[in-house]
């Protein structure tokens, strides 16, 4: 008879609390930015716990950390699970850590039950998912999937003046127990558990989101150039007001893009105005536009809408216009077979679930370019994330880890030890 294997909810909750103490902020959040002293401390703690369990620990050139529990057939590609341990400067205690520590709990639960799998199972903590200290984010998973090598960013400098190359070397050196591992063939599958970072699951009272893909993202930098002039002496017909042009374009886009397409997302996150004097008509206005959509053609259409609206505003206000694309991340579709396995695991446990698209990009997006992948979401209170107030109930933590365990055993080929 198949052994019953379950996660230890109390142990997992304590693990989350232990790691939340590393980089803890006074407001109850976490400041554990990539390749920092705090990030190294979290990696060290996870490594110590893994070695104490008898698991193997490795790291690669990008400082991605791997913990391996062997399967019956070492020649088969492993099932990979995990997320990241780095955080925003004022981040929450669940973003990334929930997925990594739940994955480690899966290994612990299997080890305690002496439950074997045909394939090896590896937990991964990817480097610099957040991108808060070093941009871009998801460096580790991009390097792992072959989308871009970590060497391309070695000269990047953090706001605190630390070079990525130096901090990467220090992070690797801080874990001499972890053997260096060269690039390996892709895993058999990758599954990432994560908080939703949005309000849908909580609003609909659904404990598990079955993620079918990640919407695409484009970042544009828009610059209007007009002419500085005196605020009191220049009539409207003589003005070349760069800020007025920017305001026209932004207002039009906010009034039309998202109201016209429920799947579209448009955000203006930064606006810089020059010369910035109270009584001078602005000569320059530069702002960023973040547009997202799960459909590639629709995403291209959103960019075209932004360009057209800005061109009209520039003509209206007599300004010149330049638009530079800073990021073009194609939408990702997760593996339908793994999505089905997640849904079946929920049904077997009698847990409600819904299919959904991720609005944020995650490590799984990049791994999906190289190996079959999918994600499991759990609700977070009020949809708040990247915030010290980020919160997930104990029940949802344990449910998410339990579903992950079932999915992993299915993918790895479960069997009971003799």
Protein backbone atom coordinates (compact mmCIF):
# COMPACT_ATOMS: atom_id res chain seq x y z
CA UNK A 1 0.00 0.00 0.00
CA UNK A 2 1.26 3.49 -0.92
CA UNK A 3 2.58 5.40 2.07
CA UNK A 4 0.71 8.55 2.98
CA UNK A 5 3.06 11.51 2.77
CA UNK A 6 2.08 14.93 4.08
CA UNK A 7 3.88 18.19 4.70
CA UNK A 8 4.49 19.18 8.32
CA UNK A 9 2.56 22.44 8.52
CA UNK A 10 4.02 23.52 11.84
CA UNK A 11 7.56 22.93 10.59
CA UNK A 12 6.93 24.89 7.41
CA UNK A 13 5.42 27.84 9.29
CA UNK A 14 8.39 27.87 11.66
CA UNK A 15 10.75 27.77 8.70
CA UNK A 16 9.04 30.81 7.19
CA UNK A 17 9.40 32.60 10.52
CA UNK A 18 13.07 31.65 10.81
CA UNK A 19 13.91 33.01 7.37
CA UNK A 20 11.77 36.14 7.87
CA UNK A 21 14.09 36.98 10.76
CA UNK A 22 16.99 37.28 8.30
CA UNK A 23 16.78 40.87 7.09
CA UNK A 24 13.70 41.59 9.19
CA UNK A 25 12.44 45.17 9.11
CA UNK A 26 10.80 47.03 12.03
CA UNK A 27 7.47 47.03 10.17
CA UNK A 28 7.39 43.24 9.93
CA UNK A 29 8.75 42.85 6.42
CA UNK A 30 12.06 41.74 4.97
CA UNK A 31 15.04 43.53 3.44
CA UNK A 32 17.09 40.70 1.96
CA UNK A 33 18.26 41.99 -1.37
CA UNK A 34 20.13 39.88 -3.88
CA UNK A 35 23.73 38.93 -3.08
CA UNK A 36 23.67 40.96 0.12
CA UNK A 37 24.96 39.82 3.51
CA UNK A 38 21.38 38.94 4.43
CA UNK A 39 20.89 36.94 1.24
CA UNK A 40 24.05 34.99 2.01
CA UNK A 41 22.82 34.27 5.54
CA UNK A 42 19.55 32.85 4.18
CA UNK A 43 21.43 30.68 1.69
CA UNK A 44 23.72 29.46 4.46
CA UNK A 45 20.80 28.50 6.71
CA UNK A 46 19.07 26.59 3.92
CA UNK A 47 22.33 24.82 3.06
CA UNK A 48 22.93 23.80 6.68
CA UNK A 49 19.43 22.35 6.95
CA UNK A 50 19.85 20.48 3.67
CA UNK A 51 23.18 18.93 4.66
CA UNK A 52 21.76 17.96 8.04
CA UNK A 53 19.09 15.99 6.15
CA UNK A 54 21.66 14.26 4.00
CA UNK A 55 20.73 16.06 0.81
CA UNK A 56 23.34 17.16 -1.74
CA UNK A 57 23.94 20.89 -2.21
CA UNK A 58 25.29 22.59 -5.33
CA UNK A 59 25.61 26.04 -6.82
CA UNK A 60 26.35 27.28 -10.31
CA UNK A 61 28.20 30.29 -11.71
CA UNK A 62 25.11 32.48 -11.24
CA UNK A 63 24.97 31.48 -7.54
CA UNK A 64 21.73 29.60 -8.11
CA UNK A 65 21.52 27.24 -5.13
CA UNK A 66 20.38 23.62 -5.65
CA UNK A 67 19.42 20.97 -3.09
CA UNK A 68 19.02 17.45 -4.41
CA UNK A 69 17.28 14.34 -3.09
CA UNK A 70 18.20 11.39 -5.21
CA UNK A 71 15.71 9.27 -7.09
CA UNK A 72 15.84 5.60 -7.99
CA UNK A 73 17.16 6.29 -11.50
CA UNK A 74 20.04 8.84 -11.46
CA UNK A 75 20.09 8.88 -15.25
CA UNK A 76 16.71 10.58 -15.49
CA UNK A 77 16.34 14.37 -15.53
CA UNK A 78 15.16 15.67 -12.14
CA UNK A 79 11.98 17.46 -11.20
CA UNK A 80 12.92 21.00 -10.19
CA UNK A 81 10.93 23.01 -7.62
CA UNK A 82 11.59 26.27 -5.83
CA UNK A 83 11.66 30.03 -6.27
CA UNK A 84 13.98 32.68 -4.75
CA UNK A 85 15.11 34.04 -1.38
CA UNK A 86 15.94 37.65 -2.24
CA UNK A 87 13.45 40.43 -1.49
CA UNK A 88 12.58 44.02 -2.19
CA UNK A 89 14.10 46.65 0.16
CA UNK A 90 10.76 46.82 1.97
CA UNK A 91 9.49 43.42 0.91
CA UNK A 92 7.23 40.86 2.48
CA UNK A 93 8.13 37.58 4.14
CA UNK A 94 6.37 35.33 1.60
CA UNK A 95 7.37 36.59 -1.86
CA UNK A 96 9.86 33.98 -3.12
CA UNK A 97 10.54 32.49 0.31
CA UNK A 98 7.19 30.68 0.34
CA UNK A 99 8.04 28.81 -2.85
CA UNK A 100 11.61 27.98 -1.84
CA UNK A 101 10.82 26.85 1.70
CA UNK A 102 7.71 24.92 0.66
CA UNK A 103 9.86 23.12 -1.89
CA UNK A 104 12.35 22.24 0.83
CA UNK A 105 9.47 21.05 3.03
CA UNK A 106 8.50 18.68 0.20
CA UNK A 107 11.97 17.11 0.39
CA UNK A 108 11.76 16.89 4.19
CA UNK A 109 8.31 15.28 4.07
CA UNK A 110 9.49 12.67 1.57
CA UNK A 111 12.62 11.95 3.60
CA UNK A 112 10.72 11.54 6.86
CA UNK A 113 8.26 9.14 5.23
CA UNK A 114 11.11 7.31 3.49
CA UNK A 115 9.06 7.74 0.33
CA UNK A 116 11.03 7.30 -2.84
CA UNK A 117 10.67 8.71 -6.33
CA UNK A 118 11.89 7.47 -9.67
CA UNK A 119 13.38 10.83 -10.59
CA UNK A 120 15.55 12.96 -8.36
CA UNK A 121 13.93 16.07 -6.94
CA UNK A 122 15.89 19.31 -6.74
CA UNK A 123 15.02 22.49 -4.87
CA UNK A 124 16.36 25.71 -6.36
CA UNK A 125 16.76 29.18 -4.93
CA UNK A 126 17.35 31.37 -7.98
CA UNK A 127 19.59 34.42 -7.76
CA UNK A 128 18.21 37.96 -7.96
CA UNK A 129 14.62 37.41 -8.99
CA UNK A 130 13.52 40.79 -7.66
CA UNK A 131 15.97 43.03 -9.49
CA UNK A 132 15.80 45.59 -6.68
CA UNK A 133 19.54 45.79 -6.05
CA UNK A 134 20.77 44.71 -9.47
CA UNK A 135 18.74 45.09 -12.65
CA UNK A 136 17.34 43.24 -14.43
CA UNK A 137 15.49 40.80 -12.23
CA UNK A 138 15.43 37.04 -12.77
CA UNK A 139 19.15 36.97 -13.55
CA UNK A 140 19.59 33.51 -12.08
CA UNK A 141 16.73 31.88 -13.94
CA UNK A 142 17.67 33.60 -17.20
CA UNK A 143 21.20 32.24 -16.86
CA UNK A 144 19.87 28.78 -15.94
CA UNK A 145 17.55 28.68 -18.95
CA UNK A 146 20.19 29.97 -21.34
CA UNK A 147 18.29 33.19 -22.08
CA UNK A 148 21.23 35.34 -21.00
CA UNK A 149 24.51 34.56 -19.26
CA UNK A 150 25.30 36.02 -15.83
CA UNK A 151 28.55 37.34 -17.29
CA UNK A 152 26.58 39.93 -19.24
CA UNK A 153 25.80 41.76 -15.98
CA UNK A 154 29.08 41.46 -14.07
CA UNK A 155 29.80 45.20 -14.33
CA UNK A 156 26.37 46.27 -13.06
CA UNK A 157 26.67 48.44 -9.95
CA UNK A 158 24.12 48.54 -7.14
CA UNK A 159 22.88 51.81 -5.60
CA UNK A 160 25.18 51.09 -2.66
CA UNK A 161 28.17 51.05 -5.03
CA UNK A 162 28.82 47.30 -4.94
CA UNK A 163 29.63 45.65 -8.26
CA UNK A 164 27.66 42.55 -9.12
CA UNK A 165 30.84 40.67 -10.04
CA UNK A 166 32.30 41.23 -6.57
CA UNK A 167 29.11 40.38 -4.69
CA UNK A 168 28.56 37.30 -6.81
CA UNK A 169 32.06 36.06 -5.99
CA UNK A 170 31.55 36.74 -2.29
CA UNK A 171 28.23 34.90 -2.31
CA UNK A 172 29.73 31.84 -3.99
CA UNK A 173 32.70 31.86 -1.60
CA UNK A 174 30.37 32.07 1.42
CA UNK A 175 29.13 28.52 0.74
CA UNK A 176 32.19 26.29 0.45
CA UNK A 177 29.95 23.33 1.39
CA UNK A 178 28.08 23.70 -1.92
CA UNK A 179 29.91 22.04 -4.77
CA UNK A 180 30.19 24.06 -7.96
CA UNK A 181 28.13 22.50 -10.72
CA UNK A 182 28.57 23.13 -14.43
CA UNK A 183 25.65 23.72 -16.75
CA UNK A 184 23.41 20.67 -16.96
CA UNK A 185 20.63 19.47 -19.26
CA UNK A 186 17.20 21.00 -18.55
CA UNK A 187 15.08 19.42 -15.81
CA UNK A 188 12.20 17.10 -16.59
CA UNK A 189 9.81 19.72 -15.22
CA UNK A 190 9.78 22.85 -13.07
CA UNK A 191 7.01 23.87 -10.67
CA UNK A 192 7.05 27.13 -8.70
CA UNK A 193 4.74 27.89 -5.78
CA UNK A 194 4.21 31.62 -5.23
CA UNK A 195 1.82 34.11 -3.71
CA UNK A 196 -0.55 35.57 -6.26
CA UNK A 197 0.51 39.20 -5.64
CA UNK A 198 -2.97 40.25 -6.73
CA UNK A 199 -6.53 40.24 -5.35
CA UNK A 200 -8.34 37.68 -7.52
CA UNK A 201 -8.03 34.50 -5.44
CA UNK A 202 -8.94 36.24 -2.19
CA UNK A 203 -11.87 38.06 -3.79
CA UNK A 204 -13.26 34.83 -5.25
CA UNK A 205 -12.46 32.79 -2.10
CA UNK A 206 -10.39 30.28 -4.09
CA UNK A 207 -7.36 28.86 -2.26
CA UNK A 208 -5.31 27.69 -5.26
CA UNK A 209 -4.54 29.41 -8.54
CA UNK A 210 -3.43 27.12 -11.37
CA UNK A 211 -1.25 29.38 -13.48
CA UNK A 212 -1.43 28.78 -17.22
CA UNK A 213 1.08 31.42 -18.27
CA UNK A 214 2.63 34.82 -17.70
CA UNK A 215 1.59 37.93 -19.57
CA UNK A 216 4.12 39.70 -21.75
CA UNK A 217 5.67 43.02 -20.78
CA UNK A 218 7.07 45.98 -22.66
CA UNK A 219 8.74 48.97 -21.02
CA UNK A 220 8.91 52.21 -22.96
CA UNK A 221 10.66 55.46 -22.10
CA UNK A 222 8.83 58.45 -23.59
CA UNK A 223 10.48 61.88 -23.89
CA UNK A 224 8.82 65.12 -24.98
CA UNK A 225 11.05 68.09 -25.77
CA UNK A 226 9.49 71.53 -25.88
CA UNK A 227 10.80 74.95 -24.99
CA UNK A 228 11.32 76.59 -21.61
CA UNK A 229 9.59 79.95 -21.33
CA UNK A 230 8.22 82.36 -18.75
CA UNK A 231 5.06 81.10 -17.05
CA UNK A 232 3.50 84.55 -16.79
CA UNK A 233 4.26 86.09 -20.15
CA UNK A 234 3.80 83.25 -22.65
CA UNK A 235 0.30 82.84 -24.20
CA UNK A 236 -1.01 79.38 -25.06
CA UNK A 237 -0.32 79.69 -28.78
CA UNK A 238 3.37 80.31 -28.10
CA UNK A 239 3.85 77.48 -25.64
CA UNK A 240 5.73 74.27 -26.32
CA UNK A 241 4.90 72.66 -23.00
CA UNK A 242 6.53 69.24 -22.65
CA UNK A 243 4.68 68.39 -19.45
CA UNK A 244 1.31 69.35 -20.93
CA UNK A 245 2.03 67.00 -23.85
CA UNK A 246 2.97 64.21 -21.44
CA UNK A 247 -0.15 64.81 -19.35
CA UNK A 248 -2.36 64.72 -22.46
CA UNK A 249 -0.89 61.41 -23.59
CA UNK A 250 -1.04 59.81 -20.15
CA UNK A 251 -4.61 60.90 -19.53
CA UNK A 252 -5.74 59.54 -22.89
CA UNK A 253 -4.01 56.19 -22.36
CA UNK A 254 -5.39 55.75 -18.83
CA UNK A 255 -8.89 56.53 -20.09
CA UNK A 256 -8.77 54.10 -23.00
CA UNK A 257 -6.32 51.18 -22.61
CA UNK A 258 -7.47 49.30 -19.53
CA UNK A 259 -11.15 50.30 -19.80
CA UNK A 260 -11.09 48.93 -23.36
CA UNK A 261 -9.43 45.58 -22.54
CA UNK A 262 -9.81 43.83 -19.19
CA UNK A 263 -6.62 41.84 -19.80
CA UNK A 264 -4.48 44.89 -20.57
CA UNK A 265 -2.29 46.62 -18.00
CA UNK A 266 -0.76 50.08 -18.37
CA UNK A 267 1.30 51.87 -15.74
CA UNK A 268 3.22 55.14 -15.79
CA UNK A 269 5.65 54.62 -12.95
CA UNK A 270 8.15 57.45 -13.29
CA UNK A 271 7.90 61.06 -14.51
CA UNK A 272 10.81 63.51 -14.69
CA UNK A 273 10.24 67.17 -15.59
CA UNK A 274 12.87 69.80 -16.46
CA UNK A 275 13.84 72.43 -15.56
CA UNK A 276 11.53 71.83 -12.60
CA UNK A 277 10.90 75.45 -11.66
CA UNK A 278 7.49 76.67 -10.51
CA UNK A 279 7.42 79.59 -12.93
CA UNK A 280 9.03 78.03 -16.01
CA UNK A 281 7.16 76.15 -18.73
CA UNK A 282 8.72 72.65 -18.81
CA UNK A 283 11.09 72.07 -21.70
CA UNK A 284 11.47 68.33 -21.11
CA UNK A 285 9.21 65.62 -19.74
CA UNK A 286 10.25 61.99 -19.64
CA UNK A 287 8.11 59.15 -18.34
CA UNK A 288 8.06 55.37 -18.35
CA UNK A 289 5.24 53.19 -19.59
CA UNK A 290 4.82 49.57 -18.51
CA UNK A 291 2.32 47.71 -20.72
CA UNK A 292 1.36 44.06 -20.23
CA UNK A 293 -0.89 41.55 -21.94
CA UNK A 294 -1.04 37.73 -22.19
CA UNK A 295 -1.41 37.87 -25.98
CA UNK A 296 1.64 38.79 -28.04
CA UNK A 297 -0.29 40.57 -30.80
CA UNK A 298 -2.35 42.52 -28.28
CA UNK A 299 0.87 43.54 -26.52
CA UNK A 300 2.23 44.89 -29.80
CA UNK A 301 -1.06 46.73 -30.23
CA UNK A 302 -0.68 48.35 -26.82
CA UNK A 303 2.74 49.67 -27.75
CA UNK A 304 1.29 51.05 -30.98
CA UNK A 305 -1.46 52.78 -28.97
CA UNK A 306 1.13 54.40 -26.71
CA UNK A 307 3.15 55.63 -29.67
CA UNK A 308 0.08 57.03 -31.45
CA UNK A 309 -1.24 58.84 -28.37
CA UNK A 310 2.16 60.39 -27.69
CA UNK A 311 2.56 61.48 -31.32
CA UNK A 312 -0.83 63.26 -31.20
CA UNK A 313 0.08 64.99 -27.94
CA UNK A 314 3.45 66.09 -29.32
CA UNK A 315 1.77 67.62 -32.36
CA UNK A 316 -0.85 69.39 -30.23
CA UNK A 317 1.78 71.02 -28.03
CA UNK A 318 4.46 71.65 -30.65
CA UNK A 319 6.98 69.27 -29.07
CA UNK A 320 9.38 66.73 -30.46
CA UNK A 321 9.00 63.14 -29.35
CA UNK A 322 11.28 60.16 -28.80
CA UNK A 323 10.26 56.72 -27.55
CA UNK A 324 12.77 54.02 -26.63
CA UNK A 325 11.82 50.43 -25.84
CA UNK A 326 13.66 49.35 -22.70
CA UNK A 327 12.25 45.85 -22.26
CA UNK A 328 10.43 43.39 -24.49
CA UNK A 329 9.42 40.25 -22.65
CA UNK A 330 7.22 37.90 -24.64
CA UNK A 331 4.25 36.22 -22.96
CA UNK A 332 4.88 32.72 -21.63
CA UNK A 333 2.57 29.72 -21.80
CA UNK A 334 3.00 26.98 -19.25
CA UNK A 335 2.95 23.27 -20.02
CA UNK A 336 -0.66 22.02 -20.30
CA UNK A 337 0.22 18.58 -18.93
CA UNK A 338 1.67 20.04 -15.73
CA UNK A 339 -1.29 22.40 -15.42
CA UNK A 340 -3.55 19.33 -15.57
CA UNK A 341 -1.51 17.57 -12.88
CA UNK A 342 -1.96 20.58 -10.57
CA UNK A 343 -5.71 20.68 -11.16
CA UNK A 344 -6.03 16.94 -10.51
CA UNK A 345 -4.05 17.28 -7.29
CA UNK A 346 -6.50 19.95 -6.12
CA UNK A 347 -9.50 17.78 -7.00
CA UNK A 348 -8.10 14.78 -5.13
CA UNK A 349 -7.78 16.92 -2.01
CA UNK A 350 -11.16 18.55 -2.51
CA UNK A 351 -9.57 21.97 -2.89
CA UNK A 352 -11.17 24.62 -5.10
CA UNK A 353 -8.93 26.05 -7.80
CA UNK A 354 -9.12 28.32 -10.82
CA UNK A 355 -6.96 28.78 -13.89
CA UNK A 356 -5.34 32.19 -14.20
CA UNK A 357 -2.58 34.16 -15.91
CA UNK A 358 0.20 35.69 -13.85
CA UNK A 359 0.36 39.45 -14.09
CA UNK A 360 3.91 39.52 -12.74
CA UNK A 361 6.86 37.75 -14.27
CA UNK A 362 8.58 35.03 -12.25
CA UNK A 363 11.53 32.67 -12.56
CA UNK A 364 9.14 30.08 -14.01
CA UNK A 365 8.63 32.29 -17.06
CA UNK A 366 12.27 31.94 -18.04
CA UNK A 367 12.61 28.29 -17.06
CA UNK A 368 9.57 27.56 -19.25
CA UNK A 369 11.65 28.56 -22.28
CA UNK A 370 13.90 25.56 -21.57
CA UNK A 371 11.74 22.98 -19.76
CA UNK A 372 8.06 22.18 -19.16
CA UNK A 373 6.94 24.45 -16.32
CA UNK A 374 3.94 25.69 -14.39
CA UNK A 375 3.07 27.63 -11.27
CA UNK A 376 0.80 27.33 -8.24
CA UNK A 377 -0.59 30.49 -6.64
CA UNK A 378 -1.99 31.00 -3.15
CA UNK A 379 -3.92 34.13 -2.09
CA UNK A 380 -2.35 37.06 -0.29
CA UNK A 381 -4.37 39.48 1.81
CA UNK A 382 -5.80 42.39 -0.20
CA UNK A 383 -3.52 41.37 -3.06
CA UNK A 384 -0.66 43.27 -1.42
CA UNK A 385 2.92 42.30 -2.24
CA UNK A 386 6.31 44.04 -2.51
CA UNK A 387 5.18 45.53 0.77
CA UNK A 388 5.98 44.83 4.42
CA UNK A 389 2.25 44.25 5.00
CA UNK A 390 2.27 41.22 2.68
CA UNK A 391 0.38 38.36 4.37
CA UNK A 392 -0.67 34.78 3.64
CA UNK A 393 -2.80 32.76 6.07
CA UNK A 394 -1.34 29.64 7.66
CA UNK A 395 -4.04 27.52 6.01
CA UNK A 396 -3.15 28.78 2.55
CA UNK A 397 0.57 28.24 3.16
CA UNK A 398 -0.03 24.62 4.09
CA UNK A 399 -2.54 24.01 1.29
CA UNK A 400 -0.13 25.37 -1.29
CA UNK A 401 2.72 23.20 -0.02
CA UNK A 402 0.46 20.15 0.10
CA UNK A 403 -0.59 20.59 -3.52
CA UNK A 404 3.06 21.09 -4.49
CA UNK A 405 3.96 17.83 -2.75
CA UNK A 406 1.28 15.90 -4.63
CA UNK A 407 2.28 17.41 -7.96
CA UNK A 408 5.97 16.68 -7.41
CA UNK A 409 5.32 13.05 -6.45
CA UNK A 410 3.25 12.61 -9.61
CA UNK A 411 5.89 14.16 -11.84
CA UNK A 412 8.82 12.38 -10.18
CA UNK A 413 7.15 8.95 -10.28
CA UNK A 414 6.17 8.03 -6.78
CA UNK A 415 6.71 4.73 -5.03
CA UNK A 416 6.94 3.58 -1.41
CA UNK A 417 10.23 2.41 -0.04
CA UNK A 418 10.45 -1.32 0.55
